Protein backbone atom coordinates (compact mmCIF):
# COMPACT_ATOMS: atom_id res chain seq x y z
CA MET A 1 8.86 -7.94 9.80
CA VAL A 2 6.14 -10.61 9.45
CA TRP A 3 8.33 -12.78 7.30
CA VAL A 4 11.46 -12.38 9.47
CA LEU A 5 9.71 -13.31 12.72
CA ASN A 6 7.53 -16.29 11.74
CA GLN A 7 7.56 -16.73 7.96
CA GLY A 8 3.79 -16.19 7.72
CA GLY A 9 2.82 -18.64 10.41
CA THR A 10 2.11 -22.34 9.99
CA THR A 11 -0.86 -21.86 7.73
CA GLY A 12 -0.10 -18.35 6.40
CA GLN A 13 -2.32 -16.58 8.81
CA TYR A 14 0.12 -13.72 9.23
CA SER A 15 0.90 -13.19 5.57
CA THR A 16 0.51 -9.81 3.99
CA ILE A 17 0.18 -9.03 0.31
CA ALA A 18 3.83 -8.09 0.21
CA THR A 19 4.99 -11.36 1.69
CA TYR A 20 2.63 -13.21 -0.59
CA MET A 21 4.13 -11.50 -3.52
CA MET A 22 7.68 -12.43 -2.43
CA GLN A 23 6.67 -16.00 -1.72
CA ILE A 24 5.16 -16.44 -5.20
CA GLY A 25 7.74 -14.43 -7.16
CA PHE A 26 11.00 -15.52 -5.62
CA PHE A 27 10.45 -18.79 -3.75
CA ARG A 28 8.08 -20.45 -6.25
CA ASN A 29 9.87 -18.80 -9.23
CA ASP A 30 6.56 -17.58 -10.75
CA TRP A 31 7.79 -14.18 -11.87
CA GLY A 32 4.73 -13.28 -13.90
CA PHE A 33 2.22 -13.83 -11.07
CA GLY A 34 4.44 -12.05 -8.63
CA SER A 35 4.69 -9.12 -10.94
CA ALA A 36 0.92 -9.09 -11.35
CA ILE A 37 0.51 -8.94 -7.56
CA ALA A 38 3.00 -6.06 -7.42
CA VAL A 39 1.06 -4.15 -10.10
CA ILE A 40 -2.26 -4.67 -8.20
CA MET A 41 -0.50 -3.55 -5.00
CA PHE A 42 0.75 -0.39 -6.72
CA MET A 43 -2.74 0.40 -8.13
CA LEU A 44 -4.36 -0.01 -4.73
CA SER A 45 -1.85 2.25 -3.08
CA PHE A 46 -2.09 4.81 -5.90
CA VAL A 47 -5.90 4.99 -5.55
CA VAL A 48 -5.56 5.52 -1.78
CA ALA A 49 -2.99 8.24 -2.39
CA VAL A 50 -5.17 10.02 -4.89
CA PHE A 51 -8.09 10.04 -2.58
CA TYR A 52 -5.88 11.31 0.23
CA VAL A 53 -4.68 14.15 -1.93
CA LEU A 54 -8.09 14.99 -3.25
CA PHE A 55 -10.01 15.03 0.03
CA VAL A 56 -7.61 15.53 2.97
CA LEU A 57 -5.08 17.89 1.42
CA ARG A 58 -7.69 19.89 -0.44
CA ARG A 59 -9.59 20.40 2.82
CA ASP A 60 -6.40 21.49 4.59
CA ASN A 61 -5.40 23.95 1.88
CA SER A 62 -8.92 25.45 1.40
CA ASP A 63 -8.83 26.76 5.01
CA ALA A 64 -5.51 28.52 4.56
CA PRO A 65 -6.84 31.64 2.64
CA ARG A 66 -9.66 32.18 5.08
CA LYS A 67 -7.24 32.06 8.06
CA ALA A 68 -4.92 34.45 6.45
CA LYS A 69 -7.70 37.01 5.80
CA ARG A 70 -8.74 36.95 9.46
CA ALA A 71 -5.31 37.79 10.72
C-alpha cells in the first residue's frame, strides 16, 4: 500500500523494510542484498512468532484445565 500510493515519499520517509527489499532486489537488480534483507525480515518475524507462542499461547492454554475443573 505504501509503495502504490506514494512510492516511499520523496526522501523515502514512508518506506518499510518490505518496500526497501523490493527496491533493492528488483529495481536496482541487487538480488543478493535483497535476499539478505528477506532472510533478516524472516528471522525477525520468526522470533516474534516464537515469543508469541511461548508467552501468549502458553498463558491461554494453562488456564484451560483450571477452568474445566471448576465447572
